[in-house]
C-alpha atoms as a PDB file:
ATOM      1  CA  UNK A   1     -34.135  16.179 -41.581  1.00  0.00           C
ATOM      2  CA  UNK A   2     -35.745  15.069 -38.342  1.00  0.00           C
ATOM      3  CA  UNK A   3     -33.619  13.955 -35.398  1.00  0.00           C
ATOM      4  CA  UNK A   4     -35.508  12.913 -32.290  1.00  0.00           C
ATOM      5  CA  UNK A   5     -34.695  14.964 -29.161  1.00  0.00           C
ATOM      6  CA  UNK A   6     -33.559  11.845 -27.315  1.00  0.00           C
ATOM      7  CA  UNK A   7     -30.679  11.540 -29.800  1.00  0.00           C
ATOM      8  CA  UNK A   8     -29.194  14.894 -28.779  1.00  0.00           C
ATOM      9  CA  UNK A   9     -26.640  15.188 -26.001  1.00  0.00           C
ATOM     10  CA  UNK A  10     -24.835  18.138 -24.430  1.00  0.00           C
ATOM     11  CA  UNK A  11     -21.143  18.000 -23.582  1.00  0.00           C
ATOM     12  CA  UNK A  12     -20.349  19.876 -20.387  1.00  0.00           C
ATOM     13  CA  UNK A  13     -17.637  21.828 -22.225  1.00  0.00           C
ATOM     14  CA  UNK A  14     -20.406  24.180 -23.378  1.00  0.00           C
ATOM     15  CA  UNK A  15     -20.988  25.362 -19.801  1.00  0.00           C
ATOM     16  CA  UNK A  16     -17.602  25.863 -18.119  1.00  0.00           C
ATOM     17  CA  UNK A  17     -19.002  28.199 -15.454  1.00  0.00           C
ATOM     18  CA  UNK A  18     -22.075  26.211 -14.452  1.00  0.00           C
ATOM     19  CA  UNK A  19     -22.232  23.799 -11.559  1.00  0.00           C
ATOM     20  CA  UNK A  20     -23.307  20.294 -12.430  1.00  0.00           C
ATOM     21  CA  UNK A  21     -26.768  20.925 -11.017  1.00  0.00           C
ATOM     22  CA  UNK A  22     -27.220  24.117 -13.053  1.00  0.00           C
ATOM     23  CA  UNK A  23     -25.919  22.280 -16.112  1.00  0.00           C
ATOM     24  CA  UNK A  24     -28.410  19.430 -15.625  1.00  0.00           C
ATOM     25  CA  UNK A  25     -31.235  21.923 -15.100  1.00  0.00           C
ATOM     26  CA  UNK A  26     -30.316  23.779 -18.292  1.00  0.00           C
ATOM     27  CA  UNK A  27     -30.179  20.569 -20.321  1.00  0.00           C
ATOM     28  CA  UNK A  28     -33.665  19.664 -19.120  1.00  0.00           C
ATOM     29  CA  UNK A  29     -34.897  23.187 -19.882  1.00  0.00           C
ATOM     30  CA  UNK A  30     -33.837  22.570 -23.495  1.00  0.00           C
ATOM     31  CA  UNK A  31     -35.985  19.434 -23.539  1.00  0.00           C
ATOM     32  CA  UNK A  32     -32.994  17.079 -23.500  1.00  0.00           C
ATOM     33  CA  UNK A  33     -31.795  14.394 -21.111  1.00  0.00           C
ATOM     34  CA  UNK A  34     -28.344  13.195 -22.229  1.00  0.00           C
ATOM     35  CA  UNK A  35     -24.997  14.681 -21.157  1.00  0.00           C
ATOM     36  CA  UNK A  36     -21.281  14.060 -21.398  1.00  0.00           C
ATOM     37  CA  UNK A  37     -19.223  14.793 -18.296  1.00  0.00           C
ATOM     38  CA  UNK A  38     -15.524  15.671 -18.397  1.00  0.00           C
ATOM     39  CA  UNK A  39     -12.375  15.344 -16.317  1.00  0.00           C
ATOM     40  CA  UNK A  40     -10.821  18.563 -17.676  1.00  0.00           C
ATOM     41  CA  UNK A  41     -13.163  21.162 -16.200  1.00  0.00           C
ATOM     42  CA  UNK A  42     -11.857  23.745 -13.719  1.00  0.00           C
ATOM     43  CA  UNK A  43     -12.303  21.394 -10.758  1.00  0.00           C
ATOM     44  CA  UNK A  44     -10.199  18.723 -12.453  1.00  0.00           C
ATOM     45  CA  UNK A  45     -12.777  16.147 -11.381  1.00  0.00           C
ATOM     46  CA  UNK A  46     -15.597  14.472 -13.275  1.00  0.00           C
ATOM     47  CA  UNK A  47     -18.143  15.252 -10.556  1.00  0.00           C
ATOM     48  CA  UNK A  48     -16.523  18.463  -9.228  1.00  0.00           C
ATOM     49  CA  UNK A  49     -16.841  18.349  -5.444  1.00  0.00           C
ATOM     50  CA  UNK A  50     -19.949  16.169  -5.457  1.00  0.00           C
ATOM     51  CA  UNK A  51     -19.897  12.681  -4.039  1.00  0.00           C
ATOM     52  CA  UNK A  52     -21.105   9.818  -6.201  1.00  0.00           C
ATOM     53  CA  UNK A  53     -24.283   9.702  -4.135  1.00  0.00           C
ATOM     54  CA  UNK A  54     -24.916  13.407  -4.645  1.00  0.00           C
ATOM     55  CA  UNK A  55     -24.259  13.186  -8.393  1.00  0.00           C
ATOM     56  CA  UNK A  56     -26.586  10.227  -8.766  1.00  0.00           C
ATOM     57  CA  UNK A  57     -29.296  12.011  -6.790  1.00  0.00           C
ATOM     58  CA  UNK A  58     -29.070  15.020  -9.127  1.00  0.00           C
ATOM     59  CA  UNK A  59     -29.124  12.789 -12.211  1.00  0.00           C
ATOM     60  CA  UNK A  60     -32.254  11.105 -10.851  1.00  0.00           C
ATOM     61  CA  UNK A  61     -33.894  14.411  -9.918  1.00  0.00           C
ATOM     62  CA  UNK A  62     -33.383  15.905 -13.377  1.00  0.00           C
ATOM     63  CA  UNK A  63     -33.787  12.588 -15.228  1.00  0.00           C
ATOM     64  CA  UNK A  64     -30.326  12.875 -16.765  1.00  0.00           C
ATOM     65  CA  UNK A  65     -28.531  10.065 -18.593  1.00  0.00           C
ATOM     66  CA  UNK A  66     -24.719  10.248 -18.499  1.00  0.00           C
ATOM     67  CA  UNK A  67     -23.525   9.043 -21.881  1.00  0.00           C
ATOM     68  CA  UNK A  68     -19.749   9.352 -21.473  1.00  0.00           C
ATOM     69  CA  UNK A  69     -16.870  10.586 -19.404  1.00  0.00           C
ATOM     70  CA  UNK A  70     -14.451  12.522 -21.583  1.00  0.00           C
ATOM     71  CA  UNK A  71     -11.586  11.490 -21.657  1.00  0.00           C
ATOM     72  CA  UNK A  72      -8.804   8.968 -21.170  1.00  0.00           C
ATOM     73  CA  UNK A  73      -5.886  10.795 -22.781  1.00  0.00           C
ATOM     74  CA  UNK A  74      -2.742   9.549 -24.580  1.00  0.00           C
ATOM     75  CA  UNK A  75      -4.125   6.030 -24.520  1.00  0.00           C
ATOM     76  CA  UNK A  76      -1.853   4.851 -27.371  1.00  0.00           C
ATOM     77  CA  UNK A  77       1.411   6.243 -25.998  1.00  0.00           C
ATOM     78  CA  UNK A  78       3.583   3.314 -24.795  1.00  0.00           C
ATOM     79  CA  UNK A  79       5.471   5.261 -22.113  1.00  0.00           C
ATOM     80  CA  UNK A  80       2.136   6.289 -20.612  1.00  0.00           C
ATOM     81  CA  UNK A  81       0.974   2.691 -20.297  1.00  0.00           C
ATOM     82  CA  UNK A  82       1.623   2.058 -16.552  1.00  0.00           C
ATOM     83  CA  UNK A  83      -0.250   5.251 -15.639  1.00  0.00           C
ATOM     84  CA  UNK A  84      -2.883   4.455 -18.262  1.00  0.00           C
ATOM     85  CA  UNK A  85      -3.966   1.230 -16.584  1.00  0.00           C
ATOM     86  CA  UNK A  86      -4.349   2.919 -13.210  1.00  0.00           C
ATOM     87  CA  UNK A  87      -6.185   5.901 -14.689  1.00  0.00           C
ATOM     88  CA  UNK A  88      -8.431   3.690 -16.817  1.00  0.00           C
ATOM     89  CA  UNK A  89      -9.478   1.502 -13.896  1.00  0.00           C
ATOM     90  CA  UNK A  90     -10.173   4.527 -11.703  1.00  0.00           C
ATOM     91  CA  UNK A  91     -12.275   6.124 -14.431  1.00  0.00           C
ATOM     92  CA  UNK A  92     -14.113   2.885 -15.153  1.00  0.00           C
ATOM     93  CA  UNK A  93     -14.981   2.453 -11.480  1.00  0.00           C
ATOM     94  CA  UNK A  94     -16.354   5.969 -11.416  1.00  0.00           C
ATOM     95  CA  UNK A  95     -18.269   5.482 -14.659  1.00  0.00           C
ATOM     96  CA  UNK A  96     -19.886   2.355 -13.275  1.00  0.00           C
ATOM     97  CA  UNK A  97     -20.752   4.122 -10.007  1.00  0.00           C
ATOM     98  CA  UNK A  98     -22.490   7.029 -11.761  1.00  0.00           C
ATOM     99  CA  UNK A  99     -24.252   4.776 -14.296  1.00  0.00           C
ATOM    100  CA  UNK A 100     -22.269   6.214 -17.209  1.00  0.00           C
ATOM    101  CA  UNK A 101     -22.277   4.168 -20.412  1.00  0.00           C
ATOM    102  CA  UNK A 102     -18.927   5.002 -21.997  1.00  0.00           C
ATOM    103  CA  UNK A 103     -15.457   6.491 -21.751  1.00  0.00           C
ATOM    104  CA  UNK A 104     -13.806   8.453 -24.545  1.00  0.00           C
ATOM    105  CA  UNK A 105     -10.256   7.405 -25.492  1.00  0.00           C
ATOM    106  CA  UNK A 106      -8.122  10.126 -27.104  1.00  0.00           C
ATOM    107  CA  UNK A 107      -4.862   9.319 -28.928  1.00  0.00           C
ATOM    108  CA  UNK A 108      -1.570  11.078 -28.332  1.00  0.00           C
ATOM    109  CA  UNK A 109      -1.529  14.397 -30.195  1.00  0.00           C
ATOM    110  CA  UNK A 110       1.862  16.005 -29.835  1.00  0.00           C
ATOM    111  CA  UNK A 111       4.386  17.398 -32.300  1.00  0.00           C
ATOM    112  CA  UNK A 112       7.194  15.632 -30.429  1.00  0.00           C
ATOM    113  CA  UNK A 113       5.768  12.212 -31.294  1.00  0.00           C
ATOM    114  CA  UNK A 114       8.368  10.775 -33.707  1.00  0.00           C
ATOM    115  CA  UNK A 115       6.975   7.264 -34.071  1.00  0.00           C
ATOM    116  CA  UNK A 116       6.419   5.899 -37.551  1.00  0.00           C
ATOM    117  CA  UNK A 117       2.870   5.495 -38.842  1.00  0.00           C
ATOM    118  CA  UNK A 118       3.276   1.735 -38.507  1.00  0.00           C
ATOM    119  CA  UNK A 119       4.432   2.030 -34.901  1.00  0.00           C
ATOM    120  CA  UNK A 120       1.560   4.341 -33.989  1.00  0.00           C
ATOM    121  CA  UNK A 121      -0.892   1.849 -35.457  1.00  0.00           C
ATOM    122  CA  UNK A 122       0.674  -1.060 -33.576  1.00  0.00           C
ATOM    123  CA  UNK A 123       0.796   0.886 -30.314  1.00  0.00           C
ATOM    124  CA  UNK A 124      -2.873   1.785 -30.721  1.00  0.00           C
ATOM    125  CA  UNK A 125      -3.776  -1.860 -31.255  1.00  0.00           C
ATOM    126  CA  UNK A 126      -1.648  -2.954 -28.286  1.00  0.00           C
ATOM    127  CA  UNK A 127      -3.304  -0.365 -26.034  1.00  0.00           C
ATOM    128  CA  UNK A 128      -6.821  -1.381 -27.045  1.00  0.00           C
ATOM    129  CA  UNK A 129      -6.035  -5.036 -26.415  1.00  0.00           C
ATOM    130  CA  UNK A 130      -4.474  -4.147 -23.064  1.00  0.00           C
ATOM    131  CA  UNK A 131      -7.500  -2.147 -21.961  1.00  0.00           C
ATOM    132  CA  UNK A 132     -10.171  -4.503 -23.295  1.00  0.00           C
ATOM    133  CA  UNK A 133     -10.353  -6.748 -20.191  1.00  0.00           C
ATOM    134  CA  UNK A 134     -10.903  -3.693 -17.986  1.00  0.00           C
ATOM    135  CA  UNK A 135     -13.749  -2.376 -20.137  1.00  0.00           C
ATOM    136  CA  UNK A 136     -15.284  -5.853 -20.121  1.00  0.00           C
ATOM    137  CA  UNK A 137     -14.917  -6.137 -16.328  1.00  0.00           C
ATOM    138  CA  UNK A 138     -16.822  -2.919 -15.714  1.00  0.00           C
ATOM    139  CA  UNK A 139     -19.267  -3.339 -18.619  1.00  0.00           C
ATOM    140  CA  UNK A 140     -18.432   0.121 -19.988  1.00  0.00           C
ATOM    141  CA  UNK A 141     -18.011   0.955 -23.694  1.00  0.00           C
ATOM    142  CA  UNK A 142     -14.664   2.322 -24.851  1.00  0.00           C
ATOM    143  CA  UNK A 143     -15.121   5.011 -27.519  1.00  0.00           C
ATOM    144  CA  UNK A 144     -12.043   5.756 -29.626  1.00  0.00           C
ATOM    145  CA  UNK A 145     -11.926   9.321 -30.937  1.00  0.00           C
ATOM    146  CA  UNK A 146      -9.600   9.969 -33.905  1.00  0.00           C
ATOM    147  CA  UNK A 147      -8.204  13.512 -33.787  1.00  0.00           C
ATOM    148  CA  UNK A 148      -7.758  15.129 -37.180  1.00  0.00           C
ATOM    149  CA  UNK A 149      -4.834  17.413 -36.334  1.00  0.00           C
ATOM    150  CA  UNK A 150      -1.751  16.818 -38.455  1.00  0.00           C
ATOM    151  CA  UNK A 151       0.267  15.918 -35.340  1.00  0.00           C
ATOM    152  CA  UNK A 152      -2.278  13.337 -34.155  1.00  0.00           C
ATOM    153  CA  UNK A 153      -1.195   9.720 -33.794  1.00  0.00           C
ATOM    154  CA  UNK A 154      -4.632   8.543 -34.962  1.00  0.00           C
ATOM    155  CA  UNK A 155      -6.336  10.787 -37.527  1.00  0.00           C
ATOM    156  CA  UNK A 156      -8.408   8.393 -39.635  1.00  0.00           C
ATOM    157  CA  UNK A 157     -11.781   6.952 -38.709  1.00  0.00           C
ATOM    158  CA  UNK A 158     -11.244   4.158 -41.198  1.00  0.00           C
ATOM    159  CA  UNK A 159      -7.881   3.266 -39.648  1.00  0.00           C
ATOM    160  CA  UNK A 160      -9.515   3.320 -36.212  1.00  0.00           C
ATOM    161  CA  UNK A 161     -12.174   0.958 -37.548  1.00  0.00           C
ATOM    162  CA  UNK A 162      -9.501  -1.400 -38.875  1.00  0.00           C
ATOM    163  CA  UNK A 163      -7.581  -1.379 -35.579  1.00  0.00           C
ATOM    164  CA  UNK A 164     -10.727  -2.023 -33.555  1.00  0.00           C
ATOM    165  CA  UNK A 165     -11.539  -5.004 -35.759  1.00  0.00           C
ATOM    166  CA  UNK A 166      -8.016  -6.351 -35.234  1.00  0.00           C
ATOM    167  CA  UNK A 167      -8.394  -5.916 -31.487  1.00  0.00           C
ATOM    168  CA  UNK A 168     -11.400  -8.273 -31.552  1.00  0.00           C
ATOM    169  CA  UNK A 169     -12.986  -6.120 -28.819  1.00  0.00           C
ATOM    170  CA  UNK A 170     -16.301  -4.218 -28.848  1.00  0.00           C
ATOM    171  CA  UNK A 171     -14.921  -0.698 -28.991  1.00  0.00           C
ATOM    172  CA  UNK A 172     -16.831   2.028 -30.803  1.00  0.00           C
ATOM    173  CA  UNK A 173     -15.668   5.132 -32.672  1.00  0.00           C
ATOM    174  CA  UNK A 174     -16.443   8.770 -31.921  1.00  0.00           C
ATOM    175  CA  UNK A 175     -16.825  10.790 -35.087  1.00  0.00           C
ATOM    176  CA  UNK A 176     -16.214  14.467 -34.385  1.00  0.00           C
ATOM    177  CA  UNK A 177     -17.317  16.760 -37.211  1.00  0.00           C
ATOM    178  CA  UNK A 178     -14.364  19.091 -36.523  1.00  0.00           C
ATOM    179  CA  UNK A 179     -11.814  16.277 -36.622  1.00  0.00           C
ATOM    180  CA  UNK A 180     -13.453  14.625 -39.615  1.00  0.00           C
ATOM    181  CA  UNK A 181     -13.071  17.929 -41.471  1.00  0.00           C
ATOM    182  CA  UNK A 182      -9.396  18.194 -40.488  1.00  0.00           C
ATOM    183  CA  UNK A 183      -8.607  14.588 -41.380  1.00  0.00           C
ATOM    184  CA  UNK A 184      -8.865  15.281 -45.137  1.00  0.00           C
ATOM    185  CA  UNK A 185     -10.710  12.031 -45.756  1.00  0.00           C
ATOM    186  CA  UNK A 186     -12.960  12.197 -48.788  1.00  0.00           C
ATOM    187  CA  UNK A 187     -16.652  11.554 -48.328  1.00  0.00           C
ATOM    188  CA  UNK A 188     -16.545   8.914 -51.066  1.00  0.00           C
ATOM    189  CA  UNK A 189     -13.805   6.990 -49.233  1.00  0.00           C
ATOM    190  CA  UNK A 190     -15.602   7.300 -45.912  1.00  0.00           C
ATOM    191  CA  UNK A 191     -18.970   6.257 -47.346  1.00  0.00           C
ATOM    192  CA  UNK A 192     -17.506   3.274 -49.162  1.00  0.00           C
ATOM    193  CA  UNK A 193     -15.738   1.777 -46.149  1.00  0.00           C
ATOM    194  CA  UNK A 194     -17.275   2.943 -42.873  1.00  0.00           C
ATOM    195  CA  UNK A 195     -19.517   0.601 -40.918  1.00  0.00           C
ATOM    196  CA  UNK A 196     -21.992   2.927 -39.202  1.00  0.00           C
ATOM    197  CA  UNK A 197     -22.617   0.251 -36.582  1.00  0.00           C
ATOM    198  CA  UNK A 198     -19.129   0.928 -35.226  1.00  0.00           C
ATOM    199  CA  UNK A 199     -19.959   4.602 -34.656  1.00  0.00           C
ATOM    200  CA  UNK A 200     -20.876   4.995 -31.008  1.00  0.00           C
ATOM    201  CA  UNK A 201     -21.189   8.777 -30.799  1.00  0.00           C
ATOM    202  CA  UNK A 202     -20.939  11.886 -32.979  1.00  0.00           C
ATOM    203  CA  UNK A 203     -19.520  15.144 -31.612  1.00  0.00           C
ATOM    204  CA  UNK A 204     -20.776  18.305 -33.291  1.00  0.00           C
ATOM    205  CA  UNK A 205     -19.370  21.812 -33.342  1.00  0.00           C
ATOM    206  CA  UNK A 206     -19.067  24.609 -35.870  1.00  0.00           C
ATOM    207  CA  UNK A 207     -16.244  26.814 -37.146  1.00  0.00           C
ATOM    208  CA  UNK A 208     -16.731  30.177 -38.837  1.00  0.00           C
ATOM    209  CA  UNK A 209     -13.054  31.110 -39.156  1.00  0.00           C
ATOM    210  CA  UNK A 210     -11.896  31.343 -42.776  1.00  0.00           C
ATOM    211  CA  UNK A 211      -8.217  30.566 -42.105  1.00  0.00           C
ATOM    212  CA  UNK A 212      -6.442  27.604 -43.660  1.00  0.00           C
ATOM    213  CA  UNK A 213      -7.727  24.282 -42.413  1.00  0.00           C
ATOM    214  CA  UNK A 214      -4.290  23.341 -41.086  1.00  0.00           C
ATOM    215  CA  UNK A 215      -4.295  26.359 -38.735  1.00  0.00           C
ATOM    216  CA  UNK A 216      -7.622  25.642 -37.036  1.00  0.00           C
ATOM    217  CA  UNK A 217      -7.607  24.651 -33.370  1.00  0.00           C
ATOM    218  CA  UNK A 218     -10.121  23.791 -30.668  1.00  0.00           C
ATOM    219  CA  UNK A 219     -10.270  27.520 -29.899  1.00  0.00           C
ATOM    220  CA  UNK A 220     -12.190  27.997 -33.169  1.00  0.00           C
ATOM    221  CA  UNK A 221     -14.961  25.555 -32.264  1.00  0.00           C
ATOM    222  CA  UNK A 222     -18.320  27.150 -31.490  1.00  0.00           C
ATOM    223  CA  UNK A 223     -21.923  26.101 -32.163  1.00  0.00           C
ATOM    224  CA  UNK A 224     -23.674  25.780 -35.520  1.00  0.00           C
ATOM    225  CA  UNK A 225     -24.786  28.351 -38.055  1.00  0.00           C
ATOM    226  CA  UNK A 226     -25.085  28.622 -41.819  1.00  0.00           C
ATOM    227  CA  UNK A 227     -21.512  30.029 -41.800  1.00  0.00           C
ATOM    228  CA  UNK A 228     -20.067  26.744 -40.526  1.00  0.00           C
ATOM    229  CA  UNK A 229     -16.940  25.804 -42.493  1.00  0.00           C
ATOM    230  CA  UNK A 230     -17.044  22.224 -41.200  1.00  0.00           C
ATOM    231  CA  UNK A 231     -20.334  21.571 -42.991  1.00  0.00           C
ATOM    232  CA  UNK A 232     -21.457  19.786 -39.831  1.00  0.00           C
ATOM    233  CA  UNK A 233     -25.076  19.864 -40.987  1.00  0.00           C
ATOM    234  CA  UNK A 234     -24.115  18.107 -44.216  1.00  0.00           C
ATOM    235  CA  UNK A 235     -21.962  15.635 -42.281  1.00  0.00           C
ATOM    236  CA  UNK A 236     -24.942  14.782 -40.087  1.00  0.00           C
ATOM    237  CA  UNK A 237     -27.224  14.429 -43.123  1.00  0.00           C
ATOM    238  CA  UNK A 238     -24.717  12.048 -44.686  1.00  0.00           C
ATOM    239  CA  UNK A 239     -24.478   9.956 -41.516  1.00  0.00           C
ATOM    240  CA  UNK A 240     -28.266   9.762 -41.382  1.00  0.00           C
ATOM    241  CA  UNK A 241     -28.315   8.673 -45.034  1.00  0.00           C
ATOM    242  CA  UNK A 242     -25.792   5.940 -44.232  1.00  0.00           C
ATOM    243  CA  UNK A 243     -28.064   4.664 -41.472  1.00  0.00           C
ATOM    244  CA  UNK A 244     -26.535   6.102 -38.305  1.00  0.00           C
ATOM    245  CA  UNK A 245     -29.143   6.114 -35.544  1.00  0.00           C
ATOM    246  CA  UNK A 246     -26.970   7.039 -32.577  1.00  0.00           C
ATOM    247  CA  UNK A 247     -26.383  10.105 -30.428  1.00  0.00           C
ATOM    248  CA  UNK A 248     -25.234  13.571 -31.502  1.00  0.00           C
ATOM    249  CA  UNK A 249     -23.413  15.491 -28.773  1.00  0.00           C
ATOM    250  CA  UNK A 250     -22.757  19.221 -29.061  1.00  0.00           C
ATOM    251  CA  UNK A 251     -19.134  19.884 -28.080  1.00  0.00           C
ATOM    252  CA  UNK A 252     -17.926  23.463 -28.667  1.00  0.00           C
ATOM    253  CA  UNK A 253     -14.508  24.323 -27.245  1.00  0.00           C
ATOM    254  CA  UNK A 254     -13.791  28.035 -27.707  1.00  0.00           C
ATOM    255  CA  UNK A 255     -12.748  30.124 -24.712  1.00  0.00           C
ATOM    256  CA  UNK A 256     -15.585  32.501 -25.637  1.00  0.00           C
ATOM    257  CA  UNK A 257     -17.857  29.999 -23.894  1.00  0.00           C
ATOM    258  CA  UNK A 258     -16.504  31.425 -20.633  1.00  0.00           C
ATOM    259  CA  UNK A 259     -18.498  34.593 -21.318  1.00  0.00           C
ATOM    260  CA  UNK A 260     -21.789  32.865 -22.134  1.00  0.00           C
ATOM    261  CA  UNK A 261     -24.688  33.191 -19.734  1.00  0.00           C
ATOM    262  CA  UNK A 262     -27.181  30.391 -19.194  1.00  0.00           C
ATOM    263  CA  UNK A 263     -29.502  32.203 -21.596  1.00  0.00           C
ATOM    264  CA  UNK A 264     -26.724  32.311 -24.208  1.00  0.00           C
ATOM    265  CA  UNK A 265     -26.094  28.589 -23.834  1.00  0.00           C
ATOM    266  CA  UNK A 266     -29.783  27.755 -24.100  1.00  0.00           C
ATOM    267  CA  UNK A 267     -30.146  29.935 -27.195  1.00  0.00           C
ATOM    268  CA  UNK A 268     -27.132  28.347 -28.890  1.00  0.00           C
ATOM    269  CA  UNK A 269     -28.348  24.814 -28.161  1.00  0.00           C
ATOM    270  CA  UNK A 270     -31.849  25.528 -29.446  1.00  0.00           C
ATOM    271  CA  UNK A 271     -30.581  27.330 -32.545  1.00  0.00           C
ATOM    272  CA  UNK A 272     -28.115  24.560 -33.379  1.00  0.00           C
ATOM    273  CA  UNK A 273     -30.755  21.845 -33.041  1.00  0.00           C
ATOM    274  CA  UNK A 274     -33.160  23.852 -35.190  1.00  0.00           C
ATOM    275  CA  UNK A 275     -30.463  24.483 -37.812  1.00  0.00           C
ATOM    276  CA  UNK A 276     -29.639  20.782 -38.075  1.00  0.00           C
ATOM    277  CA  UNK A 277     -33.286  19.939 -38.614  1.00  0.00           C
ATOM    278  CA  UNK A 278     -34.153  22.744 -41.017  1.00  0.00           C
END
């Protein structure tokens, strides 16, 4: 299967020890131009210690397109709502200033969450409706990412699709191949009901651990190989068959990434792209 290079994106999580400039340079060395920035790197800031002007100058120099900022956390937790509005507006202002197209919204994912399924769904809808005017004001896309863990308050992509439709707002969905695998949704159910036009981004990683699905964590997420238990390559092929024409962002999470050199990162990116297209 052929996927054009301009549809690949690199999440900064793959390069925890690289400065933003070195990260941009590496992405360009791989022949790519799209990145996701994060607010959970060691600096705790989306742009590290760079000013907006400095970040924009680097993006221009390396011809980098910033696809998303990852992420606005606990967005569907009612008690977090006052802080959510302040955090969302701050992040949206920054996204607009650095010419970023979208912000990822992650649901609450905590074992202490005792809300009923119905309440979680309603709280998710309420939060999306609350945030919609802010996303409209700043002309930034909100991308809802279902998390497949059993303790997640929003596991299903199809439920996310239904809630977005009820919100009557132009949110999109992030499909993460790791979380899709954990969600236990059947491909037949997904294929029959998903509207690929609502998919705004696909996160890709691989898992080679052979433990029970229910025991897998972000620590197990690496890049792709033919030992991948997530079947990410097959997931991508299925999305292509359904008509998805959007962006695929590599997002490994394992702490082993801390030991990778720039050469290791480049090799893993190139090998994963080649594997997907073989």
